[in-house]
Amino acid sequence: MIASDEFVGAAKIQATALCFEPASVFVRHPIQDRTDDEMRQIADDALAEIVAALTA
């Protein structure tokens, strides 16, 4: 899953409650007011971590 770093704690709590820990990548928060170019940069910055999570 990919979420903003504001949700790290919530993701841990949910994973514990479900007894399931998905591969997770957290990006800079907030994202809702970002421009398209800013979102592309966030995605580019996270790409290596996303690929590593998918191929681990």
PDB file of N, CA and C in Angstrom:
ATOM      1  N   MET A   1       0.838  -1.166   0.000  1.00  0.00           N
ATOM      2  CA  MET A   1       0.000   0.000   0.000  1.00  0.00           C
ATOM      3  C   MET A   1       0.879   1.223   0.000  1.00  0.00           C
ATOM      4  N   ILE A   2       0.350   2.307  -0.484  1.00  0.00           N
ATOM      5  CA  ILE A   2       1.049   3.587  -0.483  1.00  0.00           C
ATOM      6  C   ILE A   2       0.138   4.589   0.207  1.00  0.00           C
ATOM      7  N   ALA A   3       0.695   5.295   1.183  1.00  0.00           N
ATOM      8  CA  ALA A   3      -0.059   6.303   1.918  1.00  0.00           C
ATOM      9  C   ALA A   3       0.901   7.408   2.336  1.00  0.00           C
ATOM     10  N   SER A   4       0.348   8.514   2.779  1.00  0.00           N
ATOM     11  CA  SER A   4       1.227   9.581   3.256  1.00  0.00           C
ATOM     12  C   SER A   4       1.677   9.269   4.674  1.00  0.00           C
ATOM     13  N   ASP A   5       2.815   9.845   5.050  1.00  0.00           N
ATOM     14  CA  ASP A   5       3.426   9.510   6.335  1.00  0.00           C
ATOM     15  C   ASP A   5       2.589   9.913   7.539  1.00  0.00           C
ATOM     16  N   GLU A   6       1.556  10.653   7.346  1.00  0.00           N
ATOM     17  CA  GLU A   6       0.629  10.988   8.426  1.00  0.00           C
ATOM     18  C   GLU A   6      -0.084   9.734   8.955  1.00  0.00           C
ATOM     19  N   PHE A   7      -0.135   8.683   8.147  1.00  0.00           N
ATOM     20  CA  PHE A   7      -0.923   7.502   8.473  1.00  0.00           C
ATOM     21  C   PHE A   7      -0.095   6.295   8.894  1.00  0.00           C
ATOM     22  N   VAL A   8       1.169   6.492   9.238  1.00  0.00           N
ATOM     23  CA  VAL A   8       2.017   5.378   9.674  1.00  0.00           C
ATOM     24  C   VAL A   8       1.409   4.687  10.889  1.00  0.00           C
ATOM     25  N   GLY A   9       1.060   5.457  11.902  1.00  0.00           N
ATOM     26  CA  GLY A   9       0.497   4.875  13.124  1.00  0.00           C
ATOM     27  C   GLY A   9      -0.800   4.142  12.875  1.00  0.00           C
ATOM     28  N   ALA A  10      -1.679   4.737  12.109  1.00  0.00           N
ATOM     29  CA  ALA A  10      -2.964   4.101  11.803  1.00  0.00           C
ATOM     30  C   ALA A  10      -2.756   2.805  11.026  1.00  0.00           C
ATOM     31  N   ALA A  11      -1.791   2.794  10.120  1.00  0.00           N
ATOM     32  CA  ALA A  11      -1.518   1.583   9.340  1.00  0.00           C
ATOM     33  C   ALA A  11      -1.010   0.461  10.244  1.00  0.00           C
ATOM     34  N   LYS A  12      -0.157   0.794  11.212  1.00  0.00           N
ATOM     35  CA  LYS A  12       0.340  -0.220  12.147  1.00  0.00           C
ATOM     36  C   LYS A  12      -0.792  -0.789  12.993  1.00  0.00           C
ATOM     37  N   ILE A  13      -1.662   0.070  13.475  1.00  0.00           N
ATOM     38  CA  ILE A  13      -2.799  -0.387  14.286  1.00  0.00           C
ATOM     39  C   ILE A  13      -3.707  -1.301  13.465  1.00  0.00           C
ATOM     40  N   GLN A  14      -3.999  -0.908  12.251  1.00  0.00           N
ATOM     41  CA  GLN A  14      -4.869  -1.713  11.379  1.00  0.00           C
ATOM     42  C   GLN A  14      -4.216  -3.049  11.055  1.00  0.00           C
ATOM     43  N   ALA A  15      -2.921  -3.039  10.769  1.00  0.00           N
ATOM     44  CA  ALA A  15      -2.213  -4.281  10.460  1.00  0.00           C
ATOM     45  C   ALA A  15      -2.266  -5.235  11.645  1.00  0.00           C
ATOM     46  N   THR A  16      -2.071  -4.703  12.839  1.00  0.00           N
ATOM     47  CA  THR A  16      -2.149  -5.532  14.049  1.00  0.00           C
ATOM     48  C   THR A  16      -3.552  -6.101  14.219  1.00  0.00           C
ATOM     49  N   ALA A  17      -4.554  -5.267  14.034  1.00  0.00           N
ATOM     50  CA  ALA A  17      -5.942  -5.712  14.205  1.00  0.00           C
ATOM     51  C   ALA A  17      -6.311  -6.810  13.206  1.00  0.00           C
ATOM     52  N   LEU A  18      -5.763  -6.725  12.005  1.00  0.00           N
ATOM     53  CA  LEU A  18      -6.083  -7.696  10.963  1.00  0.00           C
ATOM     54  C   LEU A  18      -5.121  -8.879  10.920  1.00  0.00           C
ATOM     55  N   CYS A  19      -4.076  -8.818  11.760  1.00  0.00           N
ATOM     56  CA  CYS A  19      -3.036  -9.860  11.736  1.00  0.00           C
ATOM     57  C   CYS A  19      -2.445 -10.003  10.336  1.00  0.00           C
ATOM     58  N   PHE A  20      -2.223  -8.882   9.708  1.00  0.00           N
ATOM     59  CA  PHE A  20      -1.700  -8.845   8.337  1.00  0.00           C
ATOM     60  C   PHE A  20      -0.872  -7.585   8.174  1.00  0.00           C
ATOM     61  N   GLU A  21       0.350  -7.742   7.702  1.00  0.00           N
ATOM     62  CA  GLU A  21       1.200  -6.584   7.503  1.00  0.00           C
ATOM     63  C   GLU A  21       1.554  -6.457   6.016  1.00  0.00           C
ATOM     64  N   PRO A  22       0.855  -5.595   5.307  1.00  0.00           N
ATOM     65  CA  PRO A  22       1.121  -5.447   3.877  1.00  0.00           C
ATOM     66  C   PRO A  22       2.435  -4.712   3.640  1.00  0.00           C
ATOM     67  N   ALA A  23       2.991  -4.913   2.471  1.00  0.00           N
ATOM     68  CA  ALA A  23       4.130  -4.095   2.062  1.00  0.00           C
ATOM     69  C   ALA A  23       3.631  -2.656   2.000  1.00  0.00           C
ATOM     70  N   SER A  24       4.370  -1.756   2.622  1.00  0.00           N
ATOM     71  CA  SER A  24       3.900  -0.377   2.736  1.00  0.00           C
ATOM     72  C   SER A  24       4.992   0.611   2.367  1.00  0.00           C
ATOM     73  N   VAL A  25       4.589   1.654   1.677  1.00  0.00           N
ATOM     74  CA  VAL A  25       5.472   2.768   1.364  1.00  0.00           C
ATOM     75  C   VAL A  25       4.732   4.042   1.766  1.00  0.00           C
ATOM     76  N   PHE A  26       5.413   4.878   2.522  1.00  0.00           N
ATOM     77  CA  PHE A  26       4.818   6.128   2.980  1.00  0.00           C
ATOM     78  C   PHE A  26       5.536   7.299   2.328  1.00  0.00           C
ATOM     79  N   VAL A  27       4.751   8.223   1.795  1.00  0.00           N
ATOM     80  CA  VAL A  27       5.286   9.407   1.117  1.00  0.00           C
ATOM     81  C   VAL A  27       4.974  10.653   1.933  1.00  0.00           C
ATOM     82  N   ARG A  28       5.577  11.765   1.532  1.00  0.00           N
ATOM     83  CA  ARG A  28       5.389  13.030   2.250  1.00  0.00           C
ATOM     84  C   ARG A  28       3.923  13.435   2.330  1.00  0.00           C
ATOM     85  N   HIS A  29       3.555  13.951   3.479  1.00  0.00           N
ATOM     86  CA  HIS A  29       2.210  14.465   3.723  1.00  0.00           C
ATOM     87  C   HIS A  29       2.286  15.985   3.750  1.00  0.00           C
ATOM     88  N   PRO A  30       1.282  16.685   3.337  1.00  0.00           N
ATOM     89  CA  PRO A  30       0.015  16.246   2.746  1.00  0.00           C
ATOM     90  C   PRO A  30       0.152  16.061   1.234  1.00  0.00           C
ATOM     91  N   ILE A  31      -0.833  15.395   0.664  1.00  0.00           N
ATOM     92  CA  ILE A  31      -0.824  15.222  -0.787  1.00  0.00           C
ATOM     93  C   ILE A  31      -2.046  15.838  -1.463  1.00  0.00           C
ATOM     94  N   GLN A  32      -3.091  16.128  -0.717  1.00  0.00           N
ATOM     95  CA  GLN A  32      -4.341  16.550  -1.353  1.00  0.00           C
ATOM     96  C   GLN A  32      -4.240  17.880  -2.095  1.00  0.00           C
ATOM     97  N   ASP A  33      -3.363  18.779  -1.690  1.00  0.00           N
ATOM     98  CA  ASP A  33      -3.265  20.084  -2.347  1.00  0.00           C
ATOM     99  C   ASP A  33      -2.058  20.199  -3.270  1.00  0.00           C
ATOM    100  N   ARG A  34      -1.431  19.090  -3.583  1.00  0.00           N
ATOM    101  CA  ARG A  34      -0.236  19.108  -4.429  1.00  0.00           C
ATOM    102  C   ARG A  34      -0.617  19.301  -5.892  1.00  0.00           C
ATOM    103  N   THR A  35       0.271  19.938  -6.618  1.00  0.00           N
ATOM    104  CA  THR A  35       0.079  20.070  -8.061  1.00  0.00           C
ATOM    105  C   THR A  35       0.414  18.738  -8.723  1.00  0.00           C
ATOM    106  N   ASP A  36       0.051  18.605  -9.970  1.00  0.00           N
ATOM    107  CA  ASP A  36       0.391  17.389 -10.711  1.00  0.00           C
ATOM    108  C   ASP A  36       1.898  17.183 -10.735  1.00  0.00           C
ATOM    109  N   ASP A  37       2.648  18.252 -10.968  1.00  0.00           N
ATOM    110  CA  ASP A  37       4.111  18.133 -10.999  1.00  0.00           C
ATOM    111  C   ASP A  37       4.671  17.696  -9.653  1.00  0.00           C
ATOM    112  N   GLU A  38       4.124  18.221  -8.558  1.00  0.00           N
ATOM    113  CA  GLU A  38       4.571  17.816  -7.230  1.00  0.00           C
ATOM    114  C   GLU A  38       4.256  16.346  -6.975  1.00  0.00           C
ATOM    115  N   MET A  39       3.093  15.904  -7.414  1.00  0.00           N
ATOM    116  CA  MET A  39       2.730  14.499  -7.232  1.00  0.00           C
ATOM    117  C   MET A  39       3.638  13.585  -8.051  1.00  0.00           C
ATOM    118  N   ARG A  40       3.985  14.014  -9.254  1.00  0.00           N
ATOM    119  CA  ARG A  40       4.923  13.235 -10.066  1.00  0.00           C
ATOM    120  C   ARG A  40       6.271  13.117  -9.358  1.00  0.00           C
ATOM    121  N   GLN A  41       6.718  14.196  -8.740  1.00  0.00           N
ATOM    122  CA  GLN A  41       8.000  14.172  -8.035  1.00  0.00           C
ATOM    123  C   GLN A  41       7.935  13.251  -6.821  1.00  0.00           C
ATOM    124  N   ILE A  42       6.841  13.299  -6.085  1.00  0.00           N
ATOM    125  CA  ILE A  42       6.659  12.401  -4.942  1.00  0.00           C
ATOM    126  C   ILE A  42       6.696  10.945  -5.418  1.00  0.00           C
ATOM    127  N   ALA A  43       6.013  10.653  -6.513  1.00  0.00           N
ATOM    128  CA  ALA A  43       6.008   9.299  -7.067  1.00  0.00           C
ATOM    129  C   ALA A  43       7.401   8.896  -7.526  1.00  0.00           C
ATOM    130  N   ASP A  44       8.084   9.784  -8.218  1.00  0.00           N
ATOM    131  CA  ASP A  44       9.453   9.491  -8.663  1.00  0.00           C
ATOM    132  C   ASP A  44      10.361   9.222  -7.468  1.00  0.00           C
ATOM    133  N   ASP A  45      10.228  10.017  -6.420  1.00  0.00           N
ATOM    134  CA  ASP A  45      11.061   9.850  -5.231  1.00  0.00           C
ATOM    135  C   ASP A  45      10.804   8.519  -4.528  1.00  0.00           C
ATOM    136  N   ALA A  46       9.588   8.023  -4.618  1.00  0.00           N
ATOM    137  CA  ALA A  46       9.222   6.790  -3.933  1.00  0.00           C
ATOM    138  C   ALA A  46       9.381   5.542  -4.802  1.00  0.00           C
ATOM    139  N   LEU A  47       9.661   5.708  -6.076  1.00  0.00           N
ATOM    140  CA  LEU A  47       9.651   4.587  -7.011  1.00  0.00           C
ATOM    141  C   LEU A  47      10.567   3.444  -6.584  1.00  0.00           C
ATOM    142  N   ALA A  48      11.787   3.721  -6.214  1.00  0.00           N
ATOM    143  CA  ALA A  48      12.713   2.644  -5.828  1.00  0.00           C
ATOM    144  C   ALA A  48      12.190   1.873  -4.623  1.00  0.00           C
ATOM    145  N   GLU A  49      11.633   2.577  -3.659  1.00  0.00           N
ATOM    146  CA  GLU A  49      11.087   1.933  -2.466  1.00  0.00           C
ATOM    147  C   GLU A  49       9.856   1.096  -2.820  1.00  0.00           C
ATOM    148  N   ILE A  50       9.038   1.577  -3.744  1.00  0.00           N
ATOM    149  CA  ILE A  50       7.857   0.833  -4.180  1.00  0.00           C
ATOM    150  C   ILE A  50       8.266  -0.452  -4.888  1.00  0.00           C
ATOM    151  N   VAL A  51       9.218  -0.349  -5.793  1.00  0.00           N
ATOM    152  CA  VAL A  51       9.697  -1.541  -6.516  1.00  0.00           C
ATOM    153  C   VAL A  51      10.300  -2.543  -5.528  1.00  0.00           C
ATOM    154  N   ALA A  52      11.072  -2.045  -4.578  1.00  0.00           N
ATOM    155  CA  ALA A  52      11.670  -2.948  -3.579  1.00  0.00           C
ATOM    156  C   ALA A  52      10.599  -3.654  -2.766  1.00  0.00           C
ATOM    157  N   ALA A  53       9.545  -2.947  -2.388  1.00  0.00           N
ATOM    158  CA  ALA A  53       8.460  -3.551  -1.613  1.00  0.00           C
ATOM    159  C   ALA A  53       7.721  -4.615  -2.426  1.00  0.00           C
ATOM    160  N   LEU A  54       7.568  -4.360  -3.707  1.00  0.00           N
ATOM    161  CA  LEU A  54       6.857  -5.310  -4.569  1.00  0.00           C
ATOM    162  C   LEU A  54       7.673  -6.552  -4.895  1.00  0.00           C
ATOM    163  N   THR A  55       8.977  -6.429  -4.867  1.00  0.00           N
ATOM    164  CA  THR A  55       9.831  -7.540  -5.299  1.00  0.00           C
ATOM    165  C   THR A  55      10.545  -8.226  -4.140  1.00  0.00           C
ATOM    166  N   ALA A  56      10.255  -7.820  -2.921  1.00  0.00           N
ATOM    167  CA  ALA A  56      10.923  -8.412  -1.744  1.00  0.00           C
ATOM    168  C   ALA A  56      10.434  -9.828  -1.501  1.00  0.00           C
TER     169      ALA A  56
END
